[in-house]
């Protein structure tokens, strides 16, 4: 019976050792999984930051392009306004003598 008891004791020791080995493997797998998740999170954050920087750069470019266009539009409108003012002054100078003569004629003509 002593040998049966030793075999039983040896079997229990083997089971305990196997359980400890299994627990070590499970813990190692959990640690590895945790490390991979952390690495994936860091990589995702880097990708997000790069994408955000790209979008911000595109936005800033559009803003600067549109403000540049706005400045060009203001300059163009100023030039067009000056041209129209010049045209109106030229026309006014050209017809002012005729307008004055017509007004004098109407003012000085007495109707019965």
C-alpha atoms as a PDB file:
ATOM      1  CA  UNK A   1       0.000   0.000   0.000  1.00  0.00           C
ATOM      2  CA  UNK A   2       2.890   2.276   0.582  1.00  0.00           C
ATOM      3  CA  UNK A   3       3.751   2.217  -3.086  1.00  0.00           C
ATOM      4  CA  UNK A   4       0.180   3.123  -4.014  1.00  0.00           C
ATOM      5  CA  UNK A   5       0.343   6.026  -1.634  1.00  0.00           C
ATOM      6  CA  UNK A   6       3.652   7.167  -3.135  1.00  0.00           C
ATOM      7  CA  UNK A   7       2.218   6.899  -6.631  1.00  0.00           C
ATOM      8  CA  UNK A   8      -0.830   8.901  -5.546  1.00  0.00           C
ATOM      9  CA  UNK A   9       1.403  11.467  -3.909  1.00  0.00           C
ATOM     10  CA  UNK A  10       3.590  11.604  -7.025  1.00  0.00           C
ATOM     11  CA  UNK A  11       0.499  11.987  -9.210  1.00  0.00           C
ATOM     12  CA  UNK A  12      -0.738  14.864  -7.064  1.00  0.00           C
ATOM     13  CA  UNK A  13       2.658  16.505  -7.306  1.00  0.00           C
ATOM     14  CA  UNK A  14       2.562  16.085 -11.087  1.00  0.00           C
ATOM     15  CA  UNK A  15      -0.934  17.580 -11.203  1.00  0.00           C
ATOM     16  CA  UNK A  16       0.150  20.545  -9.044  1.00  0.00           C
ATOM     17  CA  UNK A  17       3.218  21.062 -11.220  1.00  0.00           C
ATOM     18  CA  UNK A  18       1.083  20.857 -14.376  1.00  0.00           C
ATOM     19  CA  UNK A  19      -1.413  23.322 -12.871  1.00  0.00           C
ATOM     20  CA  UNK A  20       1.399  25.730 -11.985  1.00  0.00           C
ATOM     21  CA  UNK A  21       2.847  25.395 -15.499  1.00  0.00           C
ATOM     22  CA  UNK A  22      -0.597  26.022 -17.007  1.00  0.00           C
ATOM     23  CA  UNK A  23      -1.063  29.081 -14.789  1.00  0.00           C
ATOM     24  CA  UNK A  24       2.376  30.379 -15.856  1.00  0.00           C
ATOM     25  CA  UNK A  25       1.440  29.890 -19.531  1.00  0.00           C
ATOM     26  CA  UNK A  26      -1.911  31.660 -19.019  1.00  0.00           C
ATOM     27  CA  UNK A  27      -0.226  34.561 -17.209  1.00  0.00           C
ATOM     28  CA  UNK A  28       2.423  34.842 -19.937  1.00  0.00           C
ATOM     29  CA  UNK A  29      -0.323  34.866 -22.586  1.00  0.00           C
ATOM     30  CA  UNK A  30      -2.243  37.565 -20.675  1.00  0.00           C
ATOM     31  CA  UNK A  31       0.898  39.680 -20.365  1.00  0.00           C
ATOM     32  CA  UNK A  32       1.671  39.246 -24.056  1.00  0.00           C
ATOM     33  CA  UNK A  33      -1.902  40.126 -25.006  1.00  0.00           C
ATOM     34  CA  UNK A  34      -1.780  43.206 -22.784  1.00  0.00           C
ATOM     35  CA  UNK A  35       1.523  44.270 -24.357  1.00  0.00           C
ATOM     36  CA  UNK A  36       0.122  43.792 -27.875  1.00  0.00           C
ATOM     37  CA  UNK A  37      -3.006  45.793 -27.011  1.00  0.00           C
ATOM     38  CA  UNK A  38      -0.861  48.598 -25.590  1.00  0.00           C
ATOM     39  CA  UNK A  39       1.324  48.595 -28.705  1.00  0.00           C
ATOM     40  CA  UNK A  40      -1.741  48.608 -30.976  1.00  0.00           C
ATOM     41  CA  UNK A  41      -3.219  51.511 -29.002  1.00  0.00           C
ATOM     42  CA  UNK A  42       0.029  53.497 -29.303  1.00  0.00           C
ATOM     43  CA  UNK A  43       0.207  52.818 -33.050  1.00  0.00           C
ATOM     44  CA  UNK A  44      -3.434  53.841 -33.475  1.00  0.00           C
ATOM     45  CA  UNK A  45      -2.812  57.062 -31.536  1.00  0.00           C
ATOM     46  CA  UNK A  46       0.179  57.842 -33.791  1.00  0.00           C
ATOM     47  CA  UNK A  47      -1.937  57.216 -36.900  1.00  0.00           C
ATOM     48  CA  UNK A  48      -4.723  59.405 -35.512  1.00  0.00           C
ATOM     49  CA  UNK A  49      -2.261  62.199 -34.728  1.00  0.00           C
ATOM     50  CA  UNK A  50      -0.753  61.973 -38.227  1.00  0.00           C
ATOM     51  CA  UNK A  51      -4.212  61.975 -39.846  1.00  0.00           C
ATOM     52  CA  UNK A  52      -5.315  64.917 -37.690  1.00  0.00           C
ATOM     53  CA  UNK A  53      -2.143  66.838 -38.634  1.00  0.00           C
ATOM     54  CA  UNK A  54      -2.793  66.098 -42.321  1.00  0.00           C
ATOM     55  CA  UNK A  55      -6.383  67.332 -42.096  1.00  0.00           C
ATOM     56  CA  UNK A  56      -5.293  70.428 -40.181  1.00  0.00           C
ATOM     57  CA  UNK A  57      -2.656  71.202 -42.828  1.00  0.00           C
ATOM     58  CA  UNK A  58      -5.249  70.799 -45.596  1.00  0.00           C
ATOM     59  CA  UNK A  59      -7.660  73.050 -43.697  1.00  0.00           C
ATOM     60  CA  UNK A  60      -4.992  75.720 -43.138  1.00  0.00           C
ATOM     61  CA  UNK A  61      -4.087  75.569 -46.838  1.00  0.00           C
ATOM     62  CA  UNK A  62      -7.727  76.053 -47.830  1.00  0.00           C
ATOM     63  CA  UNK A  63      -8.070  78.942 -45.382  1.00  0.00           C
ATOM     64  CA  UNK A  64      -4.936  80.618 -46.702  1.00  0.00           C
ATOM     65  CA  UNK A  65      -6.017  79.988 -50.310  1.00  0.00           C
ATOM     66  CA  UNK A  66      -9.468  81.411 -49.695  1.00  0.00           C
ATOM     67  CA  UNK A  67      -8.111  84.414 -47.815  1.00  0.00           C
ATOM     68  CA  UNK A  68      -5.645  84.920 -50.636  1.00  0.00           C
ATOM     69  CA  UNK A  69      -8.534  84.764 -53.081  1.00  0.00           C
ATOM     70  CA  UNK A  70     -10.431  87.193 -50.891  1.00  0.00           C
ATOM     71  CA  UNK A  71      -7.531  89.626 -51.042  1.00  0.00           C
ATOM     72  CA  UNK A  72      -7.359  89.194 -54.814  1.00  0.00           C
ATOM     73  CA  UNK A  73     -11.119  89.727 -55.050  1.00  0.00           C
ATOM     74  CA  UNK A  74     -10.916  92.919 -52.990  1.00  0.00           C
ATOM     75  CA  UNK A  75      -8.091  94.189 -55.181  1.00  0.00           C
ATOM     76  CA  UNK A  76     -10.029  93.309 -58.346  1.00  0.00           C
ATOM     77  CA  UNK A  77     -13.171  95.027 -57.024  1.00  0.00           C
ATOM     78  CA  UNK A  78     -11.180  98.139 -56.090  1.00  0.00           C
ATOM     79  CA  UNK A  79      -9.710  98.249 -59.587  1.00  0.00           C
ATOM     80  CA  UNK A  80     -13.131  97.803 -61.227  1.00  0.00           C
ATOM     81  CA  UNK A  81     -14.574 100.544 -59.010  1.00  0.00           C
ATOM     82  CA  UNK A  82     -11.771 102.933 -59.927  1.00  0.00           C
ATOM     83  CA  UNK A  83     -12.326 102.178 -63.616  1.00  0.00           C
ATOM     84  CA  UNK A  84     -16.068 102.854 -63.281  1.00  0.00           C
ATOM     85  CA  UNK A  85     -15.446 106.106 -61.390  1.00  0.00           C
ATOM     86  CA  UNK A  86     -12.982 107.189 -64.068  1.00  0.00           C
ATOM     87  CA  UNK A  87     -15.496 106.303 -66.801  1.00  0.00           C
ATOM     88  CA  UNK A  88     -18.275 108.261 -65.044  1.00  0.00           C
ATOM     89  CA  UNK A  89     -16.035 111.306 -64.608  1.00  0.00           C
ATOM     90  CA  UNK A  90     -15.026 111.156 -68.264  1.00  0.00           C
ATOM     91  CA  UNK A  91     -18.666 110.915 -69.360  1.00  0.00           C
ATOM     92  CA  UNK A  92     -19.667 113.701 -66.980  1.00  0.00           C
ATOM     93  CA  UNK A  93     -16.925 115.962 -68.378  1.00  0.00           C
ATOM     94  CA  UNK A  94     -17.951 115.080 -71.931  1.00  0.00           C
ATOM     95  CA  UNK A  95     -21.638 115.910 -71.530  1.00  0.00           C
ATOM     96  CA  UNK A  96     -21.528 118.594 -68.819  1.00  0.00           C
ATOM     97  CA  UNK A  97     -21.528 121.491 -71.324  1.00  0.00           C
ATOM     98  CA  UNK A  98     -24.577 120.035 -73.081  1.00  0.00           C
ATOM     99  CA  UNK A  99     -26.388 119.482 -69.758  1.00  0.00           C
ATOM    100  CA  UNK A 100     -25.644 123.053 -68.606  1.00  0.00           C
ATOM    101  CA  UNK A 101     -26.870 124.451 -71.924  1.00  0.00           C
ATOM    102  CA  UNK A 102     -30.043 122.359 -71.767  1.00  0.00           C
ATOM    103  CA  UNK A 103     -30.747 123.442 -68.178  1.00  0.00           C
ATOM    104  CA  UNK A 104     -30.178 127.127 -69.014  1.00  0.00           C
ATOM    105  CA  UNK A 105     -32.486 126.810 -71.981  1.00  0.00           C
ATOM    106  CA  UNK A 106     -35.271 125.318 -69.842  1.00  0.00           C
ATOM    107  CA  UNK A 107     -34.765 127.786 -67.002  1.00  0.00           C
ATOM    108  CA  UNK A 108     -34.671 130.856 -69.188  1.00  0.00           C
ATOM    109  CA  UNK A 109     -37.540 129.866 -71.471  1.00  0.00           C
ATOM    110  CA  UNK A 110     -40.806 131.394 -70.386  1.00  0.00           C
ATOM    111  CA  UNK A 111     -43.892 129.425 -71.169  1.00  0.00           C
ATOM    112  CA  UNK A 112     -47.211 131.145 -71.673  1.00  0.00           C
END
